Each structure stands twice: as structure tokens, then as C-alpha cells.
Amino acid sequence: MTIGQALRKIRQNLDLTQKEMAANIVTRPFYAKVEAGKSRISADKLAAILFEHDVDITYF
């Protein structure tokens, strides 16, 4: 599973839109590219998104 696929699964489980998941940490268009596997996300931005939605980084 890719990072984008894992993010999509978590987002869907949380019943959030891409905009809500991006949470002013990254833009919605960039986030969509990450989910689609067309862009890479930095570790700090990924951690910030997970932290914002109370997702345990070790679970991720």
C-alpha cells in the first residue's frame, strides 16, 4: 500500500473530504495528487496531517 492509498483509506474511514483532510497544512489539489500517487509528501507534512486528525503515526 502506498502512502497515498493509506491516506485515502484513513480519510474515508474518518468520513472527511480531501479539503478537510488537508486541514490547511497542504492545499487540496496537492493533497489529491498525493492520494493519486502523483506527488510525494514530506514527512513533516504527513505527520502534521495525521496529528491534526488524531491518527497514531505508528498505526499509519
N, C-alpha and C. Protein backbone atom coordinates (compact mmCIF):
# COMPACT_ATOMS: atom_id res chain seq x y z
N MET A 1 0.85 -1.18 0.00
CA MET A 1 0.00 0.00 0.00
C MET A 1 0.90 1.24 0.00
N THR A 2 0.56 2.21 -0.84
CA THR A 2 1.33 3.45 -0.89
C THR A 2 0.86 4.42 0.19
N ILE A 3 1.63 5.47 0.40
CA ILE A 3 1.24 6.50 1.36
C ILE A 3 -0.09 7.11 0.94
N GLY A 4 -0.24 7.39 -0.35
CA GLY A 4 -1.49 7.97 -0.85
C GLY A 4 -2.69 7.07 -0.61
N GLN A 5 -2.51 5.78 -0.86
CA GLN A 5 -3.60 4.83 -0.63
C GLN A 5 -3.96 4.76 0.85
N ALA A 6 -2.94 4.77 1.70
CA ALA A 6 -3.19 4.72 3.14
C ALA A 6 -3.91 5.99 3.61
N LEU A 7 -3.49 7.15 3.10
CA LEU A 7 -4.16 8.40 3.46
C LEU A 7 -5.62 8.38 3.01
N ARG A 8 -5.88 7.90 1.80
CA ARG A 8 -7.26 7.83 1.30
C ARG A 8 -8.10 6.94 2.20
N LYS A 9 -7.56 5.79 2.58
CA LYS A 9 -8.31 4.86 3.43
C LYS A 9 -8.63 5.50 4.78
N ILE A 10 -7.65 6.14 5.38
CA ILE A 10 -7.88 6.81 6.67
C ILE A 10 -8.90 7.93 6.51
N ARG A 11 -8.76 8.73 5.45
CA ARG A 11 -9.69 9.84 5.22
C ARG A 11 -11.11 9.34 5.06
N GLN A 12 -11.27 8.27 4.30
CA GLN A 12 -12.61 7.72 4.11
C GLN A 12 -13.17 7.14 5.40
N ASN A 13 -12.32 6.51 6.19
CA ASN A 13 -12.76 5.98 7.49
C ASN A 13 -13.19 7.10 8.43
N LEU A 14 -12.54 8.26 8.32
CA LEU A 14 -12.89 9.41 9.14
C LEU A 14 -14.05 10.21 8.55
N ASP A 15 -14.50 9.82 7.36
CA ASP A 15 -15.59 10.50 6.65
C ASP A 15 -15.28 11.98 6.42
N LEU A 16 -14.06 12.24 5.91
CA LEU A 16 -13.62 13.60 5.63
C LEU A 16 -13.46 13.81 4.13
N THR A 17 -13.61 15.06 3.71
CA THR A 17 -13.29 15.41 2.32
C THR A 17 -11.78 15.60 2.22
N GLN A 18 -11.29 15.69 1.00
CA GLN A 18 -9.86 15.96 0.82
C GLN A 18 -9.49 17.31 1.42
N LYS A 19 -10.36 18.28 1.27
CA LYS A 19 -10.09 19.61 1.82
C LYS A 19 -9.99 19.55 3.34
N GLU A 20 -10.90 18.81 3.97
CA GLU A 20 -10.87 18.68 5.42
C GLU A 20 -9.62 17.93 5.88
N MET A 21 -9.24 16.92 5.12
CA MET A 21 -8.06 16.14 5.49
C MET A 21 -6.79 16.96 5.35
N ALA A 22 -6.72 17.80 4.33
CA ALA A 22 -5.55 18.64 4.11
C ALA A 22 -5.40 19.67 5.23
N ALA A 23 -6.51 20.08 5.83
CA ALA A 23 -6.55 20.88 7.06
C ALA A 23 -5.61 22.08 7.09
N ASN A 24 -5.55 22.81 6.00
CA ASN A 24 -4.68 24.00 5.92
C ASN A 24 -3.20 23.69 6.13
N ILE A 25 -2.84 22.43 5.99
CA ILE A 25 -1.44 22.02 6.10
C ILE A 25 -0.83 22.00 4.70
N VAL A 26 -1.57 21.44 3.76
CA VAL A 26 -1.21 21.48 2.34
C VAL A 26 -2.47 21.87 1.58
N THR A 27 -2.33 22.24 0.32
CA THR A 27 -3.50 22.60 -0.47
C THR A 27 -4.29 21.34 -0.84
N ARG A 28 -5.56 21.50 -1.09
CA ARG A 28 -6.39 20.37 -1.51
C ARG A 28 -5.90 19.77 -2.82
N PRO A 29 -5.53 20.60 -3.84
CA PRO A 29 -5.03 19.99 -5.07
C PRO A 29 -3.75 19.17 -4.86
N PHE A 30 -2.86 19.67 -4.02
CA PHE A 30 -1.64 18.91 -3.74
C PHE A 30 -1.98 17.61 -3.02
N TYR A 31 -2.87 17.70 -2.04
CA TYR A 31 -3.27 16.51 -1.30
C TYR A 31 -3.87 15.46 -2.24
N ALA A 32 -4.69 15.90 -3.18
CA ALA A 32 -5.30 14.99 -4.15
C ALA A 32 -4.22 14.28 -4.97
N LYS A 33 -3.16 15.00 -5.33
CA LYS A 33 -2.06 14.38 -6.08
C LYS A 33 -1.33 13.35 -5.23
N VAL A 34 -1.20 13.61 -3.94
CA VAL A 34 -0.56 12.64 -3.05
C VAL A 34 -1.40 11.37 -2.99
N GLU A 35 -2.70 11.52 -2.81
CA GLU A 35 -3.59 10.34 -2.78
C GLU A 35 -3.52 9.56 -4.08
N ALA A 36 -3.39 10.27 -5.19
CA ALA A 36 -3.35 9.63 -6.51
C ALA A 36 -1.98 9.06 -6.84
N GLY A 37 -1.00 9.32 -5.99
CA GLY A 37 0.35 8.82 -6.24
C GLY A 37 1.14 9.64 -7.23
N LYS A 38 0.70 10.88 -7.49
CA LYS A 38 1.36 11.74 -8.46
C LYS A 38 2.31 12.74 -7.83
N SER A 39 2.29 12.86 -6.52
CA SER A 39 3.20 13.74 -5.78
C SER A 39 3.61 13.04 -4.50
N ARG A 40 4.78 13.44 -4.02
CA ARG A 40 5.27 12.90 -2.75
C ARG A 40 5.09 13.97 -1.68
N ILE A 41 4.81 13.52 -0.48
CA ILE A 41 4.60 14.44 0.64
C ILE A 41 5.77 14.31 1.60
N SER A 42 6.17 15.42 2.17
CA SER A 42 7.28 15.38 3.13
C SER A 42 6.81 14.73 4.42
N ALA A 43 7.77 14.19 5.15
CA ALA A 43 7.46 13.51 6.40
C ALA A 43 6.82 14.46 7.41
N ASP A 44 7.29 15.72 7.44
CA ASP A 44 6.71 16.66 8.42
C ASP A 44 5.27 17.02 8.08
N LYS A 45 4.96 17.17 6.79
CA LYS A 45 3.57 17.49 6.40
C LYS A 45 2.67 16.28 6.64
N LEU A 46 3.17 15.08 6.35
CA LEU A 46 2.40 13.87 6.60
C LEU A 46 2.10 13.74 8.09
N ALA A 47 3.12 13.93 8.92
CA ALA A 47 2.93 13.84 10.37
C ALA A 47 1.94 14.88 10.85
N ALA A 48 2.00 16.10 10.29
CA ALA A 48 1.08 17.16 10.69
C ALA A 48 -0.37 16.79 10.36
N ILE A 49 -0.58 16.22 9.19
CA ILE A 49 -1.94 15.80 8.80
C ILE A 49 -2.44 14.71 9.73
N LEU A 50 -1.60 13.72 9.99
CA LEU A 50 -2.01 12.63 10.88
C LEU A 50 -2.29 13.15 12.29
N PHE A 51 -1.42 14.03 12.79
CA PHE A 51 -1.60 14.60 14.12
C PHE A 51 -2.90 15.41 14.20
N GLU A 52 -3.18 16.18 13.16
CA GLU A 52 -4.39 17.02 13.13
C GLU A 52 -5.66 16.19 13.30
N HIS A 53 -5.63 14.94 12.80
CA HIS A 53 -6.82 14.09 12.84
C HIS A 53 -6.69 12.96 13.86
N ASP A 54 -5.75 13.13 14.80
CA ASP A 54 -5.57 12.16 15.89
C ASP A 54 -5.34 10.72 15.39
N VAL A 55 -4.56 10.61 14.31
CA VAL A 55 -4.20 9.29 13.79
C VAL A 55 -2.82 8.96 14.35
N ASP A 56 -2.72 7.82 15.02
CA ASP A 56 -1.45 7.38 15.58
C ASP A 56 -0.47 7.10 14.45
N ILE A 57 0.66 7.79 14.48
CA ILE A 57 1.63 7.64 13.39
C ILE A 57 2.19 6.23 13.33
N THR A 58 2.26 5.54 14.45
CA THR A 58 2.74 4.15 14.42
C THR A 58 1.70 3.22 13.78
N TYR A 59 0.43 3.58 13.91
CA TYR A 59 -0.64 2.82 13.24
C TYR A 59 -0.56 3.01 11.74
N PHE A 60 -0.26 4.25 11.35
CA PHE A 60 -0.19 4.57 9.93
C PHE A 60 0.89 3.75 9.28
